[in-house]
């Protein structure tokens, strides 16, 4: 996926994010059309993939926040933001087998939503930090509203895995100077104002969680019966689960099970936004988490149960998908349950 191109060095953003603010303001009867016009933005556009200058959008946000709602960025991000992502971004997040992979996908695809925004994950002893900044735009009116919106959107993604009541333990902001500028639900977090970038923290023990453990996901929506209602991905997930104790399941064998070709299977998985390797990793990871809950099983036994002869290979897969080792998962995640 290529980044958004930047003509003449002008930062641009998909109009979809302005549409989120338009929907929110429209629901309260605010004159959003007037605010759009004041910043020379389209008032009748309904194409989310249209592009607009970032500075114009920020000007629109600044007027709307000043005249309508102090917490505008936070509220819009929570209510609508994640729904304005591109189709590829939404699919990538929906298919993530763990929160850790979802956050990595978010960072990798973030530049497809806005040009020149800086997103990264940083690791600390007990948590990771999702950082963001737009250094070329810092200080532009509306920047603080936009950063609040971005943080709120990204927090809503974490909530897809950890539940709607989750809030970060620590929040850093570039612009806001007072805790009172945070919505009430976020004021319990440790607040770091005037930081070089905006960020929030996620405990490492949360990284292996899947959407099934939070607010949905493949495993949660997969019925135990009614096999005729399963799509390709769900069906293959359950078929592979039966074979993984025997070792890695080759794609050719999986295609044979579905009575199709490798090429056709690859194409169908691509339509779901994934690859065969990612699907195999997800199946083994989900099975491993269930086995790790059985404390009578040694980690090497769990490795064998999901098709690994070597515990080191199993640990590397688990850490790559879940962000922690199997031992840490058992100690920090299962130990807290």
Protein backbone atom coordinates (compact mmCIF):
# COMPACT_ATOMS: atom_id res chain seq x y z
CA UNK A 1 0.00 0.00 0.00
CA UNK A 2 1.50 3.30 -1.04
CA UNK A 3 1.24 6.47 1.01
CA UNK A 4 -1.03 9.32 0.01
CA UNK A 5 0.81 11.46 -2.51
CA UNK A 6 1.43 15.04 -1.46
CA UNK A 7 1.14 17.49 -4.40
CA UNK A 8 3.42 20.51 -4.05
CA UNK A 9 4.13 19.54 -0.47
CA UNK A 10 0.57 20.29 0.71
CA UNK A 11 -0.51 17.79 3.42
CA UNK A 12 -3.79 16.11 2.49
CA UNK A 13 -6.33 13.86 4.20
CA UNK A 14 -9.28 11.71 3.16
CA UNK A 15 -12.58 13.59 3.39
CA UNK A 16 -14.00 10.66 5.36
CA UNK A 17 -12.64 12.12 8.59
CA UNK A 18 -14.39 15.45 8.00
CA UNK A 19 -17.57 13.47 7.33
CA UNK A 20 -17.38 12.06 10.85
CA UNK A 21 -17.47 15.61 12.26
CA UNK A 22 -20.23 16.59 9.83
CA UNK A 23 -22.38 13.68 11.04
CA UNK A 24 -21.80 14.54 14.67
CA UNK A 25 -22.50 18.26 14.23
CA UNK A 26 -25.51 17.55 12.04
CA UNK A 27 -27.07 15.38 14.75
CA UNK A 28 -27.17 18.40 17.06
CA UNK A 29 -28.33 20.88 14.43
CA UNK A 30 -25.05 22.82 14.34
CA UNK A 31 -24.45 24.89 11.17
CA UNK A 32 -21.59 22.73 9.92
CA UNK A 33 -22.10 23.89 6.33
CA UNK A 34 -21.19 27.42 7.37
CA UNK A 35 -18.02 26.18 9.06
CA UNK A 36 -17.06 24.19 5.95
CA UNK A 37 -17.61 27.17 3.69
CA UNK A 38 -15.53 29.40 5.96
CA UNK A 39 -12.58 27.08 5.31
CA UNK A 40 -13.28 26.62 1.59
CA UNK A 41 -14.26 22.97 2.02
CA UNK A 42 -16.99 21.20 0.01
CA UNK A 43 -20.41 21.24 1.65
CA UNK A 44 -22.18 18.56 -0.43
CA UNK A 45 -19.41 15.99 -0.94
CA UNK A 46 -20.40 12.39 -0.10
CA UNK A 47 -17.25 10.67 -1.35
CA UNK A 48 -15.15 9.57 1.66
CA UNK A 49 -12.06 8.90 -0.48
CA UNK A 50 -11.96 12.46 -1.82
CA UNK A 51 -8.90 14.40 -0.65
CA UNK A 52 -8.75 17.81 1.05
CA UNK A 53 -5.91 19.92 2.48
CA UNK A 54 -5.22 19.09 6.12
CA UNK A 55 -4.95 22.77 7.10
CA UNK A 56 -8.47 23.42 5.75
CA UNK A 57 -9.84 20.53 7.77
CA UNK A 58 -8.10 21.78 10.90
CA UNK A 59 -9.60 25.23 10.41
CA UNK A 60 -13.05 23.63 10.18
CA UNK A 61 -12.41 21.71 13.40
CA UNK A 62 -11.17 24.81 15.22
CA UNK A 63 -14.34 26.81 14.47
CA UNK A 64 -16.66 23.92 15.28
CA UNK A 65 -14.95 23.14 18.60
CA UNK A 66 -14.88 26.79 19.66
CA UNK A 67 -18.54 27.42 18.85
CA UNK A 68 -20.19 24.06 19.51
CA UNK A 69 -18.40 21.58 21.78
CA UNK A 70 -15.19 21.79 23.82
CA UNK A 71 -14.62 18.02 23.64
CA UNK A 72 -15.51 17.76 19.94
CA UNK A 73 -12.46 15.75 18.84
CA UNK A 74 -12.80 13.19 21.64
CA UNK A 75 -16.54 12.74 21.12
CA UNK A 76 -16.41 12.40 17.34
CA UNK A 77 -13.55 9.91 17.52
CA UNK A 78 -15.45 7.79 20.01
CA UNK A 79 -18.74 7.95 18.10
CA UNK A 80 -17.78 7.77 14.44
CA UNK A 81 -14.04 7.81 13.85
CA UNK A 82 -13.14 4.17 13.27
CA UNK A 83 -16.08 3.85 10.85
CA UNK A 84 -14.43 6.40 8.55
CA UNK A 85 -11.32 4.29 7.89
CA UNK A 86 -10.66 3.09 4.37
CA UNK A 87 -12.01 -0.35 3.45
CA UNK A 88 -8.49 -1.81 3.56
CA UNK A 89 -7.87 -0.40 7.03
CA UNK A 90 -11.19 -1.71 8.37
CA UNK A 91 -10.56 -5.15 6.90
CA UNK A 92 -7.04 -5.23 8.27
CA UNK A 93 -8.26 -4.44 11.78
CA UNK A 94 -11.18 -6.87 11.58
CA UNK A 95 -8.88 -9.71 10.56
CA UNK A 96 -6.24 -9.11 13.24
CA UNK A 97 -5.93 -12.19 15.50
CA UNK A 98 -4.72 -10.09 18.44
CA UNK A 99 -4.67 -6.52 19.68
CA UNK A 100 -0.92 -6.45 19.07
CA UNK A 101 -1.34 -7.24 15.36
CA UNK A 102 -4.21 -4.73 15.09
CA UNK A 103 -1.99 -1.96 16.47
CA UNK A 104 0.86 -2.94 14.16
CA UNK A 105 -1.53 -2.90 11.18
CA UNK A 106 -2.85 0.46 12.29
CA UNK A 107 0.63 1.95 12.31
CA UNK A 108 1.54 0.35 8.98
CA UNK A 109 -1.58 1.65 7.21
CA UNK A 110 -1.92 4.95 9.03
CA UNK A 111 -0.31 6.97 6.27
CA UNK A 112 -3.04 5.81 3.89
CA UNK A 113 -5.52 7.97 5.82
CA UNK A 114 -3.48 11.18 6.15
CA UNK A 115 -0.22 12.17 4.49
CA UNK A 116 2.88 12.79 6.60
CA UNK A 117 1.36 11.83 9.96
CA UNK A 118 3.88 10.00 12.14
CA UNK A 119 2.61 6.87 13.90
CA UNK A 120 4.73 4.40 15.83
CA UNK A 121 4.71 1.88 18.66
CA UNK A 122 7.27 2.24 21.45
CA UNK A 123 7.98 -0.37 24.09
CA UNK A 124 8.42 0.21 27.81
CA UNK A 125 8.85 -2.28 30.62
CA UNK A 126 5.14 -2.91 31.34
CA UNK A 127 3.38 -1.35 28.38
CA UNK A 128 3.62 -0.14 24.81
CA UNK A 129 2.92 3.41 23.68
CA UNK A 130 0.98 4.29 20.55
CA UNK A 131 2.52 7.61 19.49
CA UNK A 132 1.37 10.12 16.89
CA UNK A 133 2.29 13.58 15.74
CA UNK A 134 2.04 15.79 12.68
CA UNK A 135 5.07 17.98 13.16
CA UNK A 136 4.45 20.09 10.06
CA UNK A 137 1.02 21.08 11.38
CA UNK A 138 1.75 21.55 15.08
CA UNK A 139 0.47 24.94 16.23
CA UNK A 140 -2.07 25.27 13.40
CA UNK A 141 -5.55 26.16 14.77
CA UNK A 142 -7.52 22.96 15.18
CA UNK A 143 -4.45 20.75 15.67
CA UNK A 144 -5.44 19.93 19.25
CA UNK A 145 -8.96 18.94 18.14
CA UNK A 146 -7.52 16.72 15.42
CA UNK A 147 -5.12 15.01 17.82
CA UNK A 148 -7.92 14.38 20.31
CA UNK A 149 -9.93 12.85 17.46
CA UNK A 150 -7.02 10.61 16.38
CA UNK A 151 -6.35 9.42 19.91
CA UNK A 152 -10.02 8.74 20.51
CA UNK A 153 -10.32 6.76 17.26
CA UNK A 154 -7.29 4.65 18.15
CA UNK A 155 -8.61 4.09 21.67
CA UNK A 156 -11.87 2.82 20.17
CA UNK A 157 -9.86 0.23 18.25
CA UNK A 158 -8.29 -0.99 21.48
CA UNK A 159 -11.79 -1.19 22.96
CA UNK A 160 -12.78 -3.57 20.15
CA UNK A 161 -10.42 -6.04 21.85
CA UNK A 162 -10.65 -5.05 25.52
CA UNK A 163 -14.23 -3.85 25.86
CA UNK A 164 -15.92 -0.43 25.85
CA UNK A 165 -14.98 0.30 29.46
CA UNK A 166 -11.25 0.20 28.79
CA UNK A 167 -9.35 3.47 29.16
CA UNK A 168 -5.57 3.99 28.98
CA UNK A 169 -3.52 4.37 32.14
CA UNK A 170 -1.54 7.27 30.65
CA UNK A 171 -2.27 9.91 28.00
CA UNK A 172 0.14 12.46 26.54
CA UNK A 173 -0.89 15.47 24.46
CA UNK A 174 1.01 18.07 22.49
CA UNK A 175 -1.42 20.96 22.88
CA UNK A 176 -3.76 20.73 25.86
CA UNK A 177 -2.48 22.22 29.10
CA UNK A 178 -5.15 21.20 31.62
CA UNK A 179 -6.72 17.92 32.72
CA UNK A 180 -10.07 19.73 32.50
CA UNK A 181 -9.66 19.67 28.73
CA UNK A 182 -10.08 15.89 28.83
CA UNK A 183 -13.53 14.25 28.87
CA UNK A 184 -14.59 13.02 32.31
CA UNK A 185 -14.06 9.32 31.47
CA UNK A 186 -10.37 9.93 30.64
CA UNK A 187 -9.45 12.03 33.67
CA UNK A 188 -8.48 8.97 35.71
CA UNK A 189 -5.50 8.49 33.38
CA UNK A 190 -2.10 9.92 34.23
CA UNK A 191 -1.99 13.10 32.15
CA UNK A 192 1.19 14.42 30.46
CA UNK A 193 0.55 17.80 28.75
CA UNK A 194 2.81 19.65 26.31
CA UNK A 195 4.50 16.42 25.24
CA UNK A 196 6.55 16.20 22.00
CA UNK A 197 3.85 13.86 20.59
CA UNK A 198 0.40 12.60 21.43
CA UNK A 199 0.17 9.10 22.86
CA UNK A 200 -1.58 6.63 25.11
CA UNK A 201 -0.41 3.44 26.76
CA UNK A 202 -1.58 -0.17 26.53
CA UNK A 203 -0.47 -2.79 29.05
CA UNK A 204 1.59 -5.58 27.50
CA UNK A 205 -0.64 -8.10 29.23
CA UNK A 206 -3.51 -6.87 27.01
CA UNK A 207 -1.71 -7.36 23.69
CA UNK A 208 -2.60 -11.06 23.11
CA UNK A 209 -6.35 -10.42 23.46
CA UNK A 210 -8.50 -11.17 20.45
CA UNK A 211 -11.74 -9.48 19.47
CA UNK A 212 -13.59 -12.59 20.60
CA UNK A 213 -12.54 -11.70 24.15
CA UNK A 214 -13.68 -8.10 23.74
CA UNK A 215 -16.46 -7.13 21.39
CA UNK A 216 -16.69 -9.69 18.61
CA UNK A 217 -14.43 -11.21 15.99
CA UNK A 218 -14.19 -14.36 13.92
CA UNK A 219 -14.21 -16.77 16.82
CA UNK A 220 -17.11 -15.00 18.53
CA UNK A 221 -19.30 -14.96 15.44
CA UNK A 222 -18.55 -18.51 14.35
CA UNK A 223 -21.60 -20.66 15.17
CA UNK A 224 -21.14 -24.14 16.58
CA UNK A 225 -23.78 -25.44 14.17
CA UNK A 226 -25.29 -24.27 10.92
CA UNK A 227 -22.19 -25.10 8.89
CA UNK A 228 -23.91 -24.00 5.68
CA UNK A 229 -23.80 -20.44 7.03
CA UNK A 230 -20.00 -20.32 7.39
CA UNK A 231 -18.01 -18.28 4.88
CA UNK A 232 -14.70 -19.46 3.38
CA UNK A 233 -12.61 -18.01 6.17
CA UNK A 234 -14.66 -19.41 9.04
CA UNK A 235 -14.88 -22.82 7.43
CA UNK A 236 -11.14 -23.00 6.78
CA UNK A 237 -10.38 -21.78 10.30
CA UNK A 238 -12.30 -24.69 11.79
CA UNK A 239 -10.93 -27.22 9.33
CA UNK A 240 -7.35 -26.23 10.04
CA UNK A 241 -7.94 -26.34 13.79
CA UNK A 242 -8.50 -30.09 13.54
CA UNK A 243 -5.22 -30.68 11.70
CA UNK A 244 -2.74 -28.41 13.49
CA UNK A 245 -1.68 -30.98 16.14
CA UNK A 246 -0.17 -32.94 13.23
CA UNK A 247 2.02 -29.98 12.27
CA UNK A 248 1.95 -27.17 9.75
CA UNK A 249 -0.87 -27.67 7.25
CA UNK A 250 0.35 -26.94 3.69
CA UNK A 251 -1.81 -24.64 1.62
CA UNK A 252 -2.12 -27.28 -1.09
CA UNK A 253 -3.65 -29.67 1.45
CA UNK A 254 -6.04 -26.97 2.69
CA UNK A 255 -7.11 -26.25 -0.88
CA UNK A 256 -7.74 -29.96 -1.40
CA UNK A 257 -9.96 -30.04 1.69
CA UNK A 258 -12.06 -27.25 0.19
CA UNK A 259 -12.00 -28.92 -3.24
CA UNK A 260 -10.41 -25.91 -4.88
CA UNK A 261 -7.01 -24.88 -6.24
CA UNK A 262 -4.21 -23.12 -4.38
CA UNK A 263 -4.61 -20.15 -6.70
CA UNK A 264 -8.34 -19.93 -6.06
CA UNK A 265 -7.85 -20.28 -2.30
CA UNK A 266 -5.24 -17.51 -2.35
CA UNK A 267 -7.64 -15.26 -4.23
CA UNK A 268 -10.52 -15.99 -1.85
CA UNK A 269 -8.38 -15.31 1.21
CA UNK A 270 -7.18 -12.08 -0.37
CA UNK A 271 -10.83 -11.07 -0.66
CA UNK A 272 -10.99 -11.38 3.12
CA UNK A 273 -7.88 -9.24 3.51
CA UNK A 274 -5.57 -12.01 4.62
CA UNK A 275 -3.11 -14.66 3.43
CA UNK A 276 -2.86 -18.36 4.12
CA UNK A 277 0.20 -17.86 6.34
CA UNK A 278 -1.58 -15.24 8.46
CA UNK A 279 -4.58 -17.52 8.77
CA UNK A 280 -2.40 -20.42 9.91
CA UNK A 281 -0.68 -18.19 12.44
CA UNK A 282 -4.06 -17.05 13.75
CA UNK A 283 -5.41 -20.61 14.10
CA UNK A 284 -2.32 -21.78 15.98
CA UNK A 285 -2.24 -18.66 18.17
CA UNK A 286 -5.90 -18.96 19.21
CA UNK A 287 -5.51 -22.67 19.96
CA UNK A 288 -2.33 -22.01 21.95
CA UNK A 289 -4.07 -19.45 24.15
CA UNK A 290 -6.74 -21.99 25.03
CA UNK A 291 -4.16 -24.66 25.85
CA UNK A 292 -2.12 -22.24 27.97
CA UNK A 293 -5.17 -21.80 30.21
CA UNK A 294 -4.64 -25.42 31.25
CA UNK A 295 -1.85 -25.03 33.78
CA UNK A 296 -1.21 -28.77 33.79
CA UNK A 297 0.20 -28.44 30.26
CA UNK A 298 3.84 -27.51 29.98
CA UNK A 299 4.67 -24.92 27.35
CA UNK A 300 6.48 -27.53 25.28
CA UNK A 301 3.28 -29.62 25.40
CA UNK A 302 1.30 -26.60 24.17
CA UNK A 303 3.80 -26.19 21.37
CA UNK A 304 3.29 -29.81 20.33
CA UNK A 305 -0.50 -29.40 20.54
CA UNK A 306 -0.42 -26.66 17.91
CA UNK A 307 2.02 -28.43 15.61
CA UNK A 308 5.50 -27.27 16.70
CA UNK A 309 8.33 -29.67 17.42
CA UNK A 310 10.56 -26.89 18.69
CA UNK A 311 9.49 -24.73 21.65
CA UNK A 312 11.62 -21.82 20.38
CA UNK A 313 9.73 -21.72 17.08
CA UNK A 314 6.44 -21.76 18.97
CA UNK A 315 7.55 -18.95 21.27
CA UNK A 316 8.59 -16.81 18.30
CA UNK A 317 5.19 -17.27 16.62
CA UNK A 318 3.30 -16.50 19.82
CA UNK A 319 5.33 -13.36 20.47
CA UNK A 320 5.02 -12.21 16.85
CA UNK A 321 1.23 -12.47 16.95
CA UNK A 322 0.51 -11.71 20.62
CA UNK A 323 3.30 -9.33 21.59
CA UNK A 324 4.34 -11.42 24.61
CA UNK A 325 5.90 -14.86 25.16
CA UNK A 326 3.71 -17.86 26.12
CA UNK A 327 5.23 -17.80 29.62
CA UNK A 328 4.43 -14.11 30.06
CA UNK A 329 0.93 -14.67 28.72
CA UNK A 330 0.31 -17.41 31.26
CA UNK A 331 1.80 -15.37 34.11
CA UNK A 332 0.41 -11.87 33.40
CA UNK A 333 -2.77 -12.43 31.43
CA UNK A 334 -4.12 -15.70 32.79
CA UNK A 335 -2.72 -14.94 36.23
CA UNK A 336 -4.90 -11.82 36.44
CA UNK A 337 -8.10 -13.71 35.58
